[in-house]
Amino acid sequence: MATTKITVNNNGSLKVEGDFEIVDKNGNAYDLAGRDVVSICRCGRSQNKPFCDGSHKGHFEHEAIAFALPPKKV
């Protein structure tokens, strides 16, 4: 199985690349029409949710800088 990579873009979407499936809350798969790269909306403005349509431009501010999460709760 190929690796899936998710990139958090500055002021924008989550770019998903590789071998993946996206399903709705009922477990039904979205038809990705053979794509191996998609962008997922983070701002909530897209008319094509859960996919990004570029509506975030000028309306969503987030600098994507990686950080460590706190230890997992047990």
Protein backbone atom coordinates (compact mmCIF):
# COMPACT_ATOMS: atom_id res chain seq x y z
CA MET A 1 0.00 0.00 0.00
CA ALA A 2 1.30 3.47 -0.90
CA THR A 3 1.79 6.12 1.73
CA THR A 4 -0.86 8.77 2.29
CA LYS A 5 0.46 12.30 2.86
CA ILE A 6 -1.64 15.14 4.29
CA THR A 7 -0.25 18.66 3.94
CA VAL A 8 -1.73 21.50 6.00
CA ASN A 9 -1.55 24.52 3.68
CA ASN A 10 -1.11 28.07 4.98
CA ASN A 11 -4.42 29.94 4.85
CA GLY A 12 -6.13 27.09 3.06
CA SER A 13 -6.98 23.45 2.61
CA LEU A 14 -5.66 20.07 3.63
CA LYS A 15 -3.97 18.50 0.60
CA VAL A 16 -4.36 14.70 0.63
CA GLU A 17 -2.08 12.67 -1.66
CA GLY A 18 -1.43 8.98 -2.22
CA ASP A 19 -3.56 5.93 -1.59
CA PHE A 20 -6.69 6.94 0.34
CA GLU A 21 -10.46 6.70 0.52
CA ILE A 22 -12.80 9.41 1.79
CA VAL A 23 -16.11 8.32 3.28
CA ASP A 24 -19.15 10.16 4.66
CA LYS A 25 -20.57 9.71 8.17
CA ASN A 26 -22.39 6.56 7.02
CA GLY A 27 -19.27 4.96 5.56
CA ASN A 28 -20.23 5.63 1.93
CA ALA A 29 -17.22 6.42 -0.25
CA TYR A 30 -17.03 9.62 -2.28
CA ASP A 31 -16.40 8.97 -5.99
CA LEU A 32 -13.03 10.65 -6.47
CA ALA A 33 -13.02 9.89 -10.23
CA GLY A 34 -9.57 8.30 -10.08
CA ARG A 35 -7.87 11.22 -8.31
CA ASP A 36 -4.86 10.53 -6.08
CA VAL A 37 -4.69 14.17 -4.89
CA VAL A 38 -7.60 16.18 -3.42
CA SER A 39 -7.92 19.24 -1.20
CA ILE A 40 -10.20 19.17 1.84
CA CYS A 41 -11.87 22.38 3.05
CA ARG A 42 -10.80 23.72 6.47
CA CYS A 43 -12.52 27.12 6.42
CA GLY A 44 -16.14 25.97 6.01
CA ARG A 45 -16.83 28.36 3.10
CA SER A 46 -16.61 25.85 0.22
CA GLN A 47 -19.74 25.20 -1.83
CA ASN A 48 -18.27 21.75 -2.60
CA LYS A 49 -17.69 20.47 0.98
CA PRO A 50 -15.84 18.46 2.08
CA PHE A 51 -13.63 19.46 -0.86
CA CYS A 52 -11.97 22.86 -1.23
CA ASP A 53 -13.18 25.21 -3.97
CA GLY A 54 -10.88 28.14 -3.14
CA SER A 55 -13.53 30.14 -1.24
CA HIS A 56 -11.09 30.57 1.67
CA LYS A 57 -8.96 33.10 -0.22
CA GLY A 58 -8.87 36.31 1.84
CA HIS A 59 -11.19 34.86 4.50
CA PHE A 60 -9.11 32.32 6.40
CA GLU A 61 -5.87 32.91 8.28
CA HIS A 62 -3.70 30.08 9.56
CA GLU A 63 0.06 29.70 9.34
CA ALA A 64 0.75 25.98 9.10
CA ILE A 65 3.72 25.25 11.35
CA ALA A 66 4.21 21.73 12.72
CA PHE A 67 4.32 21.17 16.50
CA ALA A 68 4.28 18.24 18.91
CA LEU A 69 0.99 17.21 20.51
CA PRO A 70 0.95 16.61 24.27
CA PRO A 71 1.30 12.98 25.39
CA LYS A 72 -1.65 10.73 24.62
CA LYS A 73 -4.07 10.33 27.55
CA VAL A 74 -4.35 6.83 28.95
